[in-house]
Amino acid sequence: MYVVSVTVWVKDGFAEQFVEATLDNATNTRGEPGNVRFDVSRCNDDLNRFLLYECYHGEDDFKAHQQTDHYLRWRETVADWMAQKRQGVKHTSLFFGDGAG
């Protein structure tokens, strides 16, 4: 399993718009054949900080995701709302779901 966790810091006043755009991206991503899950979380202590937790069957599936219309639309839409550059970290799953790596 190929896992990507992305932390996003959004400028004041743009959080709700960011949520709307991100939920559109997440919903469409879940329909991709290579996507296993796409979770969107909001920090309890900083309502302008978000975590996107994405799981794909493999790295090629993630790369395919980055070419989709919904991802490109999301990236373009939220670009000016970022308080700082988003931080993406790639992982290889060792224990996932039912325990299969």
N, C-alpha and C. Protein backbone atom coordinates (compact mmCIF):
# COMPACT_ATOMS: atom_id res chain seq x y z
N MET A 1 0.85 -1.17 0.00
CA MET A 1 0.00 0.00 0.00
C MET A 1 0.89 1.23 0.00
N TYR A 2 0.55 2.21 -0.83
CA TYR A 2 1.29 3.47 -0.92
C TYR A 2 0.46 4.54 -0.23
N VAL A 3 1.03 5.17 0.79
CA VAL A 3 0.30 6.12 1.62
C VAL A 3 0.94 7.50 1.49
N VAL A 4 0.09 8.50 1.35
CA VAL A 4 0.55 9.88 1.31
C VAL A 4 -0.22 10.65 2.38
N SER A 5 0.52 11.30 3.27
CA SER A 5 -0.13 12.18 4.25
C SER A 5 0.31 13.60 3.93
N VAL A 6 -0.68 14.47 3.82
CA VAL A 6 -0.42 15.86 3.43
C VAL A 6 -0.98 16.77 4.51
N THR A 7 -0.12 17.61 5.07
CA THR A 7 -0.56 18.62 6.02
C THR A 7 -0.69 19.94 5.27
N VAL A 8 -1.83 20.59 5.46
CA VAL A 8 -2.12 21.84 4.78
C VAL A 8 -2.48 22.90 5.81
N TRP A 9 -1.84 24.05 5.70
CA TRP A 9 -2.15 25.20 6.53
C TRP A 9 -2.85 26.21 5.64
N VAL A 10 -4.06 26.60 6.02
CA VAL A 10 -4.89 27.50 5.21
C VAL A 10 -4.92 28.88 5.84
N LYS A 11 -4.92 29.89 5.01
CA LYS A 11 -5.00 31.27 5.50
C LYS A 11 -6.32 31.50 6.22
N ASP A 12 -6.29 32.42 7.19
CA ASP A 12 -7.51 32.82 7.89
C ASP A 12 -8.56 33.25 6.87
N GLY A 13 -9.79 32.82 7.11
CA GLY A 13 -10.90 33.22 6.27
C GLY A 13 -11.16 32.32 5.07
N PHE A 14 -10.31 31.31 4.87
CA PHE A 14 -10.47 30.43 3.71
C PHE A 14 -10.75 28.97 4.08
N ALA A 15 -10.86 28.68 5.36
CA ALA A 15 -10.99 27.28 5.79
C ALA A 15 -12.25 26.61 5.24
N GLU A 16 -13.37 27.27 5.29
CA GLU A 16 -14.61 26.64 4.83
C GLU A 16 -14.59 26.40 3.33
N GLN A 17 -14.05 27.35 2.58
CA GLN A 17 -13.91 27.16 1.14
C GLN A 17 -12.95 26.00 0.84
N PHE A 18 -11.89 25.91 1.63
CA PHE A 18 -10.92 24.82 1.48
C PHE A 18 -11.60 23.48 1.72
N VAL A 19 -12.41 23.40 2.77
CA VAL A 19 -13.12 22.16 3.07
C VAL A 19 -13.99 21.75 1.90
N GLU A 20 -14.75 22.67 1.35
CA GLU A 20 -15.64 22.36 0.24
C GLU A 20 -14.85 21.83 -0.97
N ALA A 21 -13.79 22.51 -1.34
CA ALA A 21 -12.98 22.09 -2.49
C ALA A 21 -12.30 20.75 -2.22
N THR A 22 -11.85 20.54 -1.00
CA THR A 22 -11.14 19.31 -0.65
C THR A 22 -12.08 18.12 -0.60
N LEU A 23 -13.29 18.31 -0.11
CA LEU A 23 -14.25 17.22 -0.09
C LEU A 23 -14.66 16.81 -1.50
N ASP A 24 -14.72 17.77 -2.42
CA ASP A 24 -14.97 17.45 -3.82
C ASP A 24 -13.84 16.56 -4.37
N ASN A 25 -12.60 16.95 -4.09
CA ASN A 25 -11.46 16.16 -4.54
C ASN A 25 -11.46 14.77 -3.91
N ALA A 26 -11.70 14.71 -2.61
CA ALA A 26 -11.68 13.43 -1.90
C ALA A 26 -12.78 12.49 -2.41
N THR A 27 -13.97 13.02 -2.59
CA THR A 27 -15.08 12.21 -3.08
C THR A 27 -14.78 11.63 -4.46
N ASN A 28 -14.26 12.45 -5.34
CA ASN A 28 -13.92 11.98 -6.68
C ASN A 28 -12.74 11.01 -6.66
N THR A 29 -11.79 11.24 -5.77
CA THR A 29 -10.63 10.36 -5.67
C THR A 29 -11.05 8.96 -5.25
N ARG A 30 -12.00 8.87 -4.35
CA ARG A 30 -12.46 7.55 -3.89
C ARG A 30 -13.05 6.72 -5.02
N GLY A 31 -13.42 7.34 -6.11
CA GLY A 31 -13.93 6.62 -7.26
C GLY A 31 -12.84 6.13 -8.21
N GLU A 32 -11.60 6.52 -7.96
CA GLU A 32 -10.49 6.07 -8.80
C GLU A 32 -10.18 4.61 -8.51
N PRO A 33 -9.90 3.81 -9.53
CA PRO A 33 -9.64 2.38 -9.31
C PRO A 33 -8.42 2.11 -8.44
N GLY A 34 -7.43 3.00 -8.44
CA GLY A 34 -6.22 2.78 -7.65
C GLY A 34 -6.27 3.31 -6.24
N ASN A 35 -7.36 4.00 -5.88
CA ASN A 35 -7.47 4.58 -4.55
C ASN A 35 -8.13 3.62 -3.58
N VAL A 36 -7.56 3.50 -2.39
CA VAL A 36 -8.11 2.64 -1.34
C VAL A 36 -8.87 3.47 -0.31
N ARG A 37 -8.34 4.65 0.02
CA ARG A 37 -9.03 5.54 0.96
C ARG A 37 -8.49 6.95 0.80
N PHE A 38 -9.31 7.90 1.19
CA PHE A 38 -8.92 9.31 1.19
C PHE A 38 -9.65 9.95 2.35
N ASP A 39 -8.94 10.22 3.41
CA ASP A 39 -9.52 10.83 4.61
C ASP A 39 -9.13 12.29 4.70
N VAL A 40 -10.05 13.11 5.16
CA VAL A 40 -9.80 14.53 5.37
C VAL A 40 -10.06 14.81 6.84
N SER A 41 -9.05 15.35 7.53
CA SER A 41 -9.18 15.66 8.96
C SER A 41 -8.80 17.12 9.21
N ARG A 42 -9.41 17.66 10.26
CA ARG A 42 -9.15 19.05 10.65
C ARG A 42 -8.58 19.06 12.06
N CYS A 43 -7.54 19.82 12.27
CA CYS A 43 -6.88 19.89 13.58
C CYS A 43 -7.82 20.52 14.62
N ASN A 44 -7.89 19.91 15.77
CA ASN A 44 -8.73 20.44 16.85
C ASN A 44 -8.20 21.75 17.43
N ASP A 45 -6.87 21.90 17.45
CA ASP A 45 -6.25 23.08 18.07
C ASP A 45 -6.01 24.23 17.11
N ASP A 46 -6.14 23.97 15.80
CA ASP A 46 -5.92 24.99 14.78
C ASP A 46 -6.86 24.68 13.62
N LEU A 47 -7.97 25.36 13.55
CA LEU A 47 -9.00 25.06 12.56
C LEU A 47 -8.59 25.42 11.13
N ASN A 48 -7.40 25.98 10.97
CA ASN A 48 -6.87 26.27 9.64
C ASN A 48 -5.83 25.24 9.20
N ARG A 49 -5.69 24.18 9.97
CA ARG A 49 -4.71 23.12 9.66
C ARG A 49 -5.47 21.82 9.36
N PHE A 50 -5.09 21.17 8.27
CA PHE A 50 -5.78 19.97 7.80
C PHE A 50 -4.78 18.86 7.51
N LEU A 51 -5.27 17.63 7.60
CA LEU A 51 -4.49 16.46 7.23
C LEU A 51 -5.27 15.68 6.19
N LEU A 52 -4.64 15.43 5.05
CA LEU A 52 -5.21 14.57 4.02
C LEU A 52 -4.43 13.26 4.08
N TYR A 53 -5.14 12.17 4.28
CA TYR A 53 -4.52 10.84 4.41
C TYR A 53 -5.02 10.00 3.25
N GLU A 54 -4.11 9.72 2.32
CA GLU A 54 -4.48 9.07 1.07
C GLU A 54 -3.77 7.72 0.94
N CYS A 55 -4.51 6.69 0.55
CA CYS A 55 -3.93 5.37 0.35
C CYS A 55 -4.25 4.88 -1.06
N TYR A 56 -3.23 4.36 -1.71
CA TYR A 56 -3.34 3.84 -3.07
C TYR A 56 -2.73 2.45 -3.13
N HIS A 57 -3.14 1.68 -4.11
CA HIS A 57 -2.55 0.35 -4.27
C HIS A 57 -1.05 0.44 -4.52
N GLY A 58 -0.62 1.45 -5.25
CA GLY A 58 0.80 1.62 -5.54
C GLY A 58 1.11 3.05 -5.92
N GLU A 59 2.39 3.34 -6.05
CA GLU A 59 2.84 4.69 -6.39
C GLU A 59 2.30 5.14 -7.75
N ASP A 60 2.21 4.23 -8.71
CA ASP A 60 1.67 4.60 -10.02
C ASP A 60 0.23 5.06 -9.93
N ASP A 61 -0.53 4.49 -9.00
CA ASP A 61 -1.92 4.92 -8.80
C ASP A 61 -1.98 6.34 -8.25
N PHE A 62 -1.06 6.66 -7.36
CA PHE A 62 -0.98 8.02 -6.84
C PHE A 62 -0.62 9.00 -7.95
N LYS A 63 0.36 8.63 -8.77
CA LYS A 63 0.76 9.49 -9.89
C LYS A 63 -0.40 9.69 -10.87
N ALA A 64 -1.18 8.64 -11.10
CA ALA A 64 -2.36 8.76 -11.97
C ALA A 64 -3.37 9.73 -11.35
N HIS A 65 -3.53 9.66 -10.04
CA HIS A 65 -4.44 10.57 -9.33
C HIS A 65 -4.05 12.02 -9.59
N GLN A 66 -2.75 12.30 -9.59
CA GLN A 66 -2.28 13.67 -9.78
C GLN A 66 -2.51 14.21 -11.19
N GLN A 67 -2.99 13.36 -12.09
CA GLN A 67 -3.30 13.78 -13.45
C GLN A 67 -4.80 13.93 -13.70
N THR A 68 -5.62 13.63 -12.69
CA THR A 68 -7.07 13.67 -12.87
C THR A 68 -7.58 15.12 -12.88
N ASP A 69 -8.72 15.30 -13.53
CA ASP A 69 -9.33 16.63 -13.58
C ASP A 69 -9.66 17.15 -12.18
N HIS A 70 -10.19 16.27 -11.31
CA HIS A 70 -10.59 16.75 -9.98
C HIS A 70 -9.38 17.17 -9.13
N TYR A 71 -8.26 16.43 -9.26
CA TYR A 71 -7.07 16.83 -8.51
C TYR A 71 -6.54 18.16 -9.04
N LEU A 72 -6.42 18.29 -10.35
CA LEU A 72 -5.90 19.52 -10.94
C LEU A 72 -6.80 20.71 -10.60
N ARG A 73 -8.11 20.50 -10.60
CA ARG A 73 -9.06 21.54 -10.21
C ARG A 73 -8.83 21.95 -8.76
N TRP A 74 -8.67 20.94 -7.88
CA TRP A 74 -8.42 21.21 -6.45
C TRP A 74 -7.13 22.01 -6.28
N ARG A 75 -6.06 21.55 -6.89
CA ARG A 75 -4.75 22.19 -6.74
C ARG A 75 -4.81 23.65 -7.17
N GLU A 76 -5.47 23.91 -8.29
CA GLU A 76 -5.61 25.28 -8.79
C GLU A 76 -6.48 26.13 -7.86
N THR A 77 -7.59 25.56 -7.41
CA THR A 77 -8.54 26.29 -6.58
C THR A 77 -7.95 26.70 -5.24
N VAL A 78 -7.23 25.82 -4.58
CA VAL A 78 -6.75 26.09 -3.21
C VAL A 78 -5.39 26.76 -3.15
N ALA A 79 -4.72 26.91 -4.27
CA ALA A 79 -3.34 27.41 -4.27
C ALA A 79 -3.17 28.73 -3.51
N ASP A 80 -4.05 29.68 -3.73
CA ASP A 80 -3.91 30.99 -3.09
C ASP A 80 -4.42 31.01 -1.64
N TRP A 81 -5.01 29.91 -1.21
CA TRP A 81 -5.54 29.84 0.16
C TRP A 81 -4.52 29.28 1.14
N MET A 82 -3.39 28.83 0.65
CA MET A 82 -2.38 28.21 1.51
C MET A 82 -1.62 29.27 2.30
N ALA A 83 -1.50 29.06 3.60
CA ALA A 83 -0.72 29.97 4.44
C ALA A 83 0.77 29.68 4.29
N GLN A 84 1.08 28.45 3.93
CA GLN A 84 2.46 28.04 3.64
C GLN A 84 2.39 26.82 2.73
N LYS A 85 3.52 26.44 2.20
CA LYS A 85 3.55 25.30 1.29
C LYS A 85 3.06 24.05 2.02
N ARG A 86 2.19 23.27 1.34
CA ARG A 86 1.69 22.04 1.96
C ARG A 86 2.84 21.05 2.10
N GLN A 87 2.73 20.22 3.11
CA GLN A 87 3.79 19.25 3.41
C GLN A 87 3.28 17.84 3.14
N GLY A 88 3.79 17.21 2.11
CA GLY A 88 3.40 15.85 1.77
C GLY A 88 4.51 14.88 2.11
N VAL A 89 4.14 13.78 2.76
CA VAL A 89 5.10 12.74 3.13
C VAL A 89 4.58 11.42 2.60
N LYS A 90 5.44 10.71 1.87
CA LYS A 90 5.07 9.42 1.29
C LYS A 90 5.52 8.29 2.22
N HIS A 91 4.68 7.24 2.28
CA HIS A 91 4.95 6.10 3.16
C HIS A 91 4.65 4.80 2.42
N THR A 92 5.26 3.74 2.89
CA THR A 92 4.89 2.39 2.50
C THR A 92 4.24 1.75 3.71
N SER A 93 3.03 1.28 3.54
CA SER A 93 2.27 0.71 4.65
C SER A 93 2.89 -0.60 5.14
N LEU A 94 3.03 -0.73 6.45
CA LEU A 94 3.50 -1.97 7.06
C LEU A 94 2.36 -2.74 7.71
N PHE A 95 1.34 -2.04 8.15
CA PHE A 95 0.17 -2.66 8.80
C PHE A 95 -1.02 -1.80 8.44
N PHE A 96 -1.94 -2.34 7.66
CA PHE A 96 -3.04 -1.53 7.13
C PHE A 96 -4.33 -2.31 7.23
N GLY A 97 -5.40 -1.64 7.63
CA GLY A 97 -6.73 -2.26 7.64
C GLY A 97 -6.76 -3.55 8.42
N ASP A 98 -6.83 -4.66 7.70
CA ASP A 98 -6.90 -5.96 8.35
C ASP A 98 -5.51 -6.51 8.72
N GLY A 99 -4.49 -5.68 8.53
CA GLY A 99 -3.14 -6.08 8.90
C GLY A 99 -2.26 -6.44 7.72
N ALA A 100 -2.83 -6.52 6.53
CA ALA A 100 -2.02 -6.82 5.34
C ALA A 100 -1.26 -5.57 4.92
N GLY A 101 0.00 -5.72 4.60
CA GLY A 101 0.84 -4.58 4.20
C GLY A 101 0.66 -4.21 2.76
